[in-house]
Amino acid sequence: MKKLFSAVLALVLACSLLTGCTVETQEEKVDSGSNQYYLYYVNKDETKVVKERYQPEQESAEFMLQDFTGILNAQEGSGDNLALLPSGVQLVTYRLNESLLELEFNSDYSEMSRAREILVRAGVARTFLQIPGVAGIKIFIESEELKDSKGQAVGVIDGNTFVEMWGSDKDAYRYDTFTLYFTDKTGEHLVAEQRNVYYKRILPRERVILEQLAKGPMVKGHYPTIPQETEILGVEVSDDVCYVDFSSAFSDSGIDIPVNTMIYSVVNSLLDTASADKVQISVEGDTEATLSDGTSLYSLFSKNTDLVLKEDQSE
């Protein structure tokens, strides 16, 4: 009996820790005598997973497995938040082998963008790891185990796979200095500009860099390189490559500068900070999009220092 009580206590603590590792900055009060459970959604910008409190009718493993599966497959959003699974993606079946839960999705799962799939994977993991007795999950697509970009099986996903450390509200933010690359008055060269930014820790640094780049320069004599209305539809670093997806405003740029200047302002700004060696740019998900001068984006771009104007050369 003592061992059983210890095991149950450890499980409750584990669930509490897992649900605490979320994107919110404030802890919610636990109702006495009741465990905390959450449903997970994707925010409307598709940049993070958000949660809402949920109380299942029963707290048995079998009931919650069926309950969460039905909720996911219903694909209903909440307020401004999107359903975790995008249209067409369905959880077909599940298999619970002791503490390992195997989830099998239909083939539409593999059609998701890299950025959305990471969010889905995190939300699915957080959802099912709440279930009593589940210590890890594996994702399958039509009986084939989910693979990463290197073709390797992702393997078991547990409570440590998607951990976001939160403490006080102050700890929820970070302060960084980025080097952004704009252009000089000729439009032919890149000029470096240091920018100090205070931002939410949950935001990827790459997204913050691109948002700051779109805001334009703050130094006299520096000029913008991408339209301010450009939206960052997705950004992710995988296998030393930073994948960036822009809205169509990027390719419809009204800024009169060479395309190379525009491309490498993005590439250089990212690679100065990101843990990546190359950048792939797409527009509205199209990796073969062409820009105004016919330049194709179907390429991996490395940092270009030849375009950078040295400080003693700038006016």
Protein backbone atom coordinates (compact mmCIF):
# COMPACT_ATOMS: atom_id res chain seq x y z
CA MET A 1 0.00 0.00 0.00
CA LYS A 2 2.84 2.34 0.84
CA LYS A 3 4.44 1.65 -2.54
CA LEU A 4 1.13 2.21 -4.33
CA PHE A 5 0.63 5.54 -2.58
CA SER A 6 4.19 6.61 -3.49
CA ALA A 7 3.64 5.66 -7.12
CA VAL A 8 0.37 7.61 -7.31
CA LEU A 9 1.98 10.61 -5.64
CA ALA A 10 4.90 10.52 -8.09
CA LEU A 11 2.47 10.34 -11.00
CA VAL A 12 0.47 13.32 -9.77
CA LEU A 13 3.67 15.32 -9.35
CA ALA A 14 4.79 14.35 -12.85
CA CYS A 15 1.48 15.48 -14.37
CA SER A 16 1.74 18.73 -12.44
CA LEU A 17 5.24 19.37 -13.76
CA LEU A 18 4.25 18.58 -17.32
CA THR A 19 1.26 20.88 -17.31
CA GLY A 20 3.38 23.60 -15.71
CA CYS A 21 5.86 23.57 -18.61
CA THR A 22 3.68 25.63 -20.91
CA VAL A 23 3.70 28.87 -22.77
CA GLU A 24 1.83 30.81 -20.10
CA THR A 25 3.77 32.94 -17.66
CA GLN A 26 1.44 32.63 -14.70
CA GLU A 27 0.53 29.53 -12.77
CA GLU A 28 -3.16 28.76 -12.26
CA LYS A 29 -4.50 27.70 -8.88
CA VAL A 30 -5.16 24.01 -8.48
CA ASP A 31 -8.63 23.11 -7.25
CA SER A 32 -8.23 21.09 -4.08
CA GLY A 33 -8.93 17.40 -4.68
CA SER A 34 -8.78 17.69 -8.48
CA ASN A 35 -5.98 17.27 -11.01
CA GLN A 36 -5.30 19.93 -13.62
CA TYR A 37 -5.92 19.02 -17.25
CA TYR A 38 -5.63 21.12 -20.37
CA LEU A 39 -6.65 21.21 -24.00
CA TYR A 40 -4.03 22.58 -26.37
CA TYR A 41 -4.46 24.87 -29.36
CA VAL A 42 -2.28 26.77 -31.83
CA ASN A 43 -2.43 30.56 -31.67
CA LYS A 44 -3.75 32.36 -34.75
CA ASP A 45 -0.22 33.34 -35.86
CA GLU A 46 0.80 29.68 -35.69
CA THR A 47 3.85 30.50 -33.61
CA LYS A 48 3.11 28.73 -30.33
CA VAL A 49 0.94 26.26 -28.48
CA VAL A 50 -1.53 27.66 -25.95
CA LYS A 51 -3.63 25.87 -23.35
CA GLU A 52 -7.05 26.08 -21.74
CA ARG A 53 -8.25 24.37 -18.57
CA TYR A 54 -10.36 21.26 -19.13
CA GLN A 55 -12.00 18.80 -16.79
CA PRO A 56 -12.82 15.35 -18.24
CA GLU A 57 -15.93 13.58 -16.99
CA GLN A 58 -13.76 10.66 -15.89
CA GLU A 59 -10.06 10.46 -15.07
CA SER A 60 -9.42 6.87 -16.12
CA ALA A 61 -6.78 6.26 -18.79
CA GLU A 62 -9.20 4.60 -21.23
CA PHE A 63 -11.82 7.33 -20.96
CA MET A 64 -9.27 10.12 -21.37
CA LEU A 65 -7.66 8.41 -24.37
CA GLN A 66 -11.03 8.30 -26.13
CA ASP A 67 -11.97 11.77 -24.92
CA PHE A 68 -8.77 13.48 -26.11
CA THR A 69 -8.84 11.58 -29.42
CA GLY A 70 -12.39 12.74 -30.12
CA ILE A 71 -11.58 16.34 -29.22
CA LEU A 72 -8.48 16.41 -31.44
CA ASN A 73 -10.29 14.89 -34.41
CA ALA A 74 -13.20 17.32 -34.05
CA GLN A 75 -10.71 20.09 -34.98
CA GLU A 76 -12.53 22.84 -33.16
CA GLY A 77 -10.69 26.01 -32.25
CA SER A 78 -11.29 28.18 -29.20
CA GLY A 79 -11.75 31.91 -29.55
CA ASP A 80 -8.94 33.22 -31.73
CA ASN A 81 -6.95 30.02 -31.27
CA LEU A 82 -6.83 27.36 -33.97
CA ALA A 83 -7.48 23.67 -33.54
CA LEU A 84 -4.30 21.76 -32.80
CA LEU A 85 -4.73 19.47 -35.83
CA PRO A 86 -5.07 21.27 -39.18
CA SER A 87 -7.79 20.31 -41.63
CA GLY A 88 -7.50 16.76 -42.93
CA VAL A 89 -5.17 15.46 -40.21
CA GLN A 90 -6.79 12.75 -38.08
CA LEU A 91 -5.67 10.53 -35.24
CA VAL A 92 -6.67 7.13 -36.60
CA THR A 93 -5.87 4.85 -33.68
CA TYR A 94 -3.82 4.49 -30.53
CA ARG A 95 -2.08 1.63 -28.72
CA LEU A 96 -1.11 1.74 -25.06
CA ASN A 97 1.77 -0.63 -24.27
CA GLU A 98 2.37 -0.31 -20.53
CA SER A 99 3.53 3.33 -20.17
CA LEU A 100 4.22 3.93 -23.89
CA LEU A 101 1.38 5.34 -25.97
CA GLU A 102 1.61 4.87 -29.75
CA LEU A 103 -0.47 7.33 -31.81
CA GLU A 104 -1.15 6.63 -35.47
CA PHE A 105 -2.19 9.52 -37.75
CA ASN A 106 -3.39 9.45 -41.35
CA SER A 107 -1.17 10.40 -44.30
CA ASP A 108 -2.25 14.07 -44.18
CA TYR A 109 0.00 14.48 -41.14
CA SER A 110 3.04 14.44 -43.43
CA GLU A 111 1.58 17.33 -45.48
CA MET A 112 2.04 19.84 -42.67
CA SER A 113 4.78 22.46 -42.84
CA ARG A 114 7.81 21.86 -40.63
CA ALA A 115 6.85 24.71 -38.33
CA ARG A 116 3.23 23.55 -37.87
CA GLU A 117 4.28 19.93 -37.35
CA ILE A 118 6.55 20.92 -34.47
CA LEU A 119 3.64 22.74 -32.82
CA VAL A 120 1.30 19.80 -33.41
CA ARG A 121 3.85 17.35 -32.05
CA ALA A 122 4.32 19.44 -28.91
CA GLY A 123 0.58 19.89 -28.38
CA VAL A 124 -0.17 16.21 -28.95
CA ALA A 125 2.58 15.22 -26.51
CA ARG A 126 1.31 17.58 -23.82
CA THR A 127 -2.25 16.39 -24.35
CA PHE A 128 -1.64 12.67 -23.95
CA LEU A 129 1.15 12.87 -21.37
CA GLN A 130 -1.49 14.17 -18.96
CA ILE A 131 -3.14 10.74 -18.94
CA PRO A 132 -2.43 8.63 -15.86
CA GLY A 133 0.13 5.93 -16.61
CA VAL A 134 1.42 7.47 -19.87
CA ALA A 135 5.14 8.30 -19.60
CA GLY A 136 6.00 8.64 -23.30
CA ILE A 137 4.45 8.68 -26.75
CA LYS A 138 5.48 7.65 -30.24
CA ILE A 139 3.92 9.11 -33.37
CA PHE A 140 3.24 7.02 -36.47
CA ILE A 141 1.96 8.02 -39.90
CA GLU A 142 -0.02 5.12 -41.35
CA SER A 143 1.98 2.56 -39.34
CA GLU A 144 5.34 4.19 -40.24
CA GLU A 145 7.15 5.89 -37.36
CA LEU A 146 7.49 9.67 -37.63
CA LYS A 147 10.91 10.67 -38.99
CA ASP A 148 12.92 13.86 -38.69
CA SER A 149 14.43 15.79 -41.60
CA LYS A 150 17.41 13.41 -41.62
CA GLY A 151 15.15 10.43 -42.13
CA GLN A 152 15.74 9.18 -38.58
CA ALA A 153 12.87 8.01 -36.37
CA VAL A 154 11.87 10.71 -33.88
CA GLY A 155 11.47 8.06 -31.19
CA VAL A 156 9.85 8.42 -27.80
CA ILE A 157 8.56 11.86 -26.85
CA ASP A 158 8.34 12.46 -23.13
CA GLY A 159 7.97 15.29 -20.67
CA ASN A 160 11.51 16.54 -21.32
CA THR A 161 11.15 16.79 -25.10
CA PHE A 162 9.29 20.11 -25.18
CA VAL A 163 10.27 21.85 -21.98
CA GLU A 164 9.85 25.61 -21.62
CA MET A 165 11.29 26.94 -18.40
CA TRP A 166 9.12 29.45 -16.60
CA GLY A 167 9.66 31.12 -13.29
CA SER A 168 8.53 34.62 -12.37
CA ASP A 169 7.10 37.01 -14.95
CA LYS A 170 10.52 38.59 -15.17
CA ASP A 171 12.01 35.23 -16.15
CA ALA A 172 9.46 34.95 -18.96
CA TYR A 173 11.34 37.63 -20.92
CA ARG A 174 14.84 37.85 -22.27
CA TYR A 175 17.14 40.61 -23.47
CA ASP A 176 19.31 40.17 -26.56
CA THR A 177 21.45 42.25 -28.85
CA PHE A 178 21.04 41.45 -32.54
CA THR A 179 22.97 42.56 -35.60
CA LEU A 180 20.51 43.51 -38.33
CA TYR A 181 21.49 44.26 -41.90
CA PHE A 182 19.80 47.08 -43.78
CA THR A 183 21.04 48.92 -46.87
CA ASP A 184 22.82 52.17 -47.61
CA LYS A 185 21.36 54.91 -49.81
CA THR A 186 22.65 53.23 -52.99
CA GLY A 187 20.80 50.01 -52.22
CA GLU A 188 23.88 48.10 -53.34
CA HIS A 189 25.40 47.40 -49.94
CA LEU A 190 24.38 46.06 -46.55
CA VAL A 191 25.03 48.07 -43.41
CA ALA A 192 25.09 46.51 -39.94
CA GLU A 193 22.98 47.91 -37.14
CA GLN A 194 23.03 46.75 -33.52
CA ARG A 195 19.65 46.50 -31.85
CA ASN A 196 18.81 45.68 -28.24
CA VAL A 197 15.51 43.86 -27.90
CA TYR A 198 13.51 42.81 -24.84
CA TYR A 199 11.03 40.09 -25.78
CA LYS A 200 9.09 37.06 -24.55
CA ARG A 201 11.32 34.06 -24.01
CA ILE A 202 8.86 31.76 -25.79
CA LEU A 203 9.42 33.57 -29.09
CA PRO A 204 12.14 32.06 -31.29
CA ARG A 205 15.04 34.49 -31.69
CA GLU A 206 14.81 34.00 -35.46
CA ARG A 207 11.25 35.33 -35.51
CA VAL A 208 12.22 38.32 -33.38
CA ILE A 209 15.09 39.11 -35.75
CA LEU A 210 12.80 39.04 -38.79
CA GLU A 211 10.16 41.17 -37.08
CA GLN A 212 12.79 43.74 -36.15
CA LEU A 213 14.13 43.69 -39.71
CA ALA A 214 10.64 44.37 -41.08
CA LYS A 215 10.28 47.34 -38.73
CA GLY A 216 13.12 49.02 -40.58
CA PRO A 217 16.32 50.77 -39.48
CA MET A 218 16.74 53.20 -36.60
CA VAL A 219 20.09 54.63 -37.66
CA LYS A 220 20.31 57.67 -39.92
CA GLY A 221 21.64 56.75 -43.35
CA HIS A 222 20.29 53.20 -43.18
CA TYR A 223 17.35 52.18 -45.35
CA PRO A 224 14.80 49.31 -45.21
CA THR A 225 15.30 46.11 -47.15
CA ILE A 226 11.94 44.36 -46.83
CA PRO A 227 8.41 45.81 -46.74
CA GLN A 228 7.09 46.60 -43.28
CA GLU A 229 3.86 44.73 -44.08
CA THR A 230 5.78 41.48 -44.66
CA GLU A 231 4.38 38.75 -42.41
CA ILE A 232 6.51 35.92 -41.05
CA LEU A 233 4.32 32.89 -41.69
CA GLY A 234 6.82 30.44 -40.26
CA VAL A 235 10.39 30.17 -39.06
CA GLU A 236 12.22 27.07 -37.84
CA VAL A 237 15.78 25.83 -37.48
CA SER A 238 16.37 22.18 -38.35
CA ASP A 239 19.57 20.34 -39.27
CA ASP A 240 21.59 23.60 -39.41
CA VAL A 241 19.14 25.18 -41.86
CA CYS A 242 16.84 28.08 -40.96
CA TYR A 243 13.56 27.76 -42.87
CA VAL A 244 11.69 31.03 -43.34
CA ASP A 245 8.25 31.45 -44.89
CA PHE A 246 7.14 35.00 -45.77
CA SER A 247 3.81 36.35 -46.94
CA SER A 248 3.48 37.48 -50.57
CA ALA A 249 4.43 41.02 -49.54
CA PHE A 250 8.04 39.86 -49.53
CA SER A 251 8.05 38.99 -53.26
CA ASP A 252 5.83 41.96 -54.18
CA SER A 253 8.28 44.36 -52.60
CA GLY A 254 7.91 47.97 -53.65
CA ILE A 255 11.36 48.73 -52.22
CA ASP A 256 13.64 49.71 -55.09
CA ILE A 257 16.81 47.80 -54.25
CA PRO A 258 18.55 44.84 -55.88
CA VAL A 259 17.02 41.49 -54.96
CA ASN A 260 20.39 40.27 -53.67
CA THR A 261 20.42 43.08 -51.11
CA MET A 262 16.97 42.09 -49.89
CA ILE A 263 17.77 38.37 -49.69
CA TYR A 264 21.08 38.75 -47.90
CA SER A 265 19.74 41.30 -45.44
CA VAL A 266 17.52 38.45 -44.25
CA VAL A 267 20.18 35.75 -44.52
CA ASN A 268 22.98 37.71 -42.82
CA SER A 269 20.71 38.96 -40.03
CA LEU A 270 19.59 35.41 -39.24
CA LEU A 271 22.94 33.68 -39.52
CA ASP A 272 24.64 36.21 -37.25
CA THR A 273 22.54 34.80 -34.40
CA ALA A 274 20.73 31.60 -35.39
CA SER A 275 22.27 28.19 -34.79
CA ALA A 276 22.23 27.53 -38.53
CA ASP A 277 24.64 27.64 -41.46
CA LYS A 278 22.16 28.27 -44.26
CA VAL A 279 18.76 29.82 -44.87
CA GLN A 280 15.92 28.64 -47.10
CA ILE A 281 13.32 31.26 -47.96
CA SER A 282 9.82 30.49 -49.19
CA VAL A 283 6.84 32.70 -50.01
CA GLU A 284 3.39 31.50 -48.92
CA GLY A 285 4.91 28.02 -48.57
CA ASP A 286 6.35 28.03 -52.11
CA THR A 287 10.08 27.22 -52.01
CA GLU A 288 10.30 27.73 -55.79
CA ALA A 289 8.91 31.27 -55.76
CA THR A 290 10.65 33.88 -57.91
CA LEU A 291 11.28 37.50 -57.03
CA SER A 292 10.82 40.61 -59.15
CA ASP A 293 14.02 40.15 -61.17
CA GLY A 294 13.36 36.45 -61.78
CA THR A 295 15.66 35.22 -58.98
CA SER A 296 14.48 31.83 -57.77
CA LEU A 297 14.34 31.13 -54.05
CA TYR A 298 14.88 27.42 -54.67
CA SER A 299 18.26 27.48 -52.98
CA LEU A 300 19.99 27.38 -49.63
CA PHE A 301 21.63 30.73 -48.93
CA SER A 302 24.86 31.12 -46.95
CA LYS A 303 26.09 34.32 -45.32
CA ASN A 304 27.43 36.91 -47.78
CA THR A 305 30.00 39.25 -46.26
CA ASP A 306 31.02 40.77 -49.61
CA LEU A 307 27.87 42.93 -49.63
CA VAL A 308 28.52 44.35 -46.17
CA LEU A 309 29.82 47.90 -46.13
CA LYS A 310 32.52 48.41 -43.54
CA GLU A 311 32.04 51.20 -41.01
CA ASP A 312 34.88 53.29 -42.38
CA GLN A 313 33.30 53.09 -45.86
CA SER A 314 29.86 54.33 -44.83
CA GLU A 315 29.02 57.99 -44.92
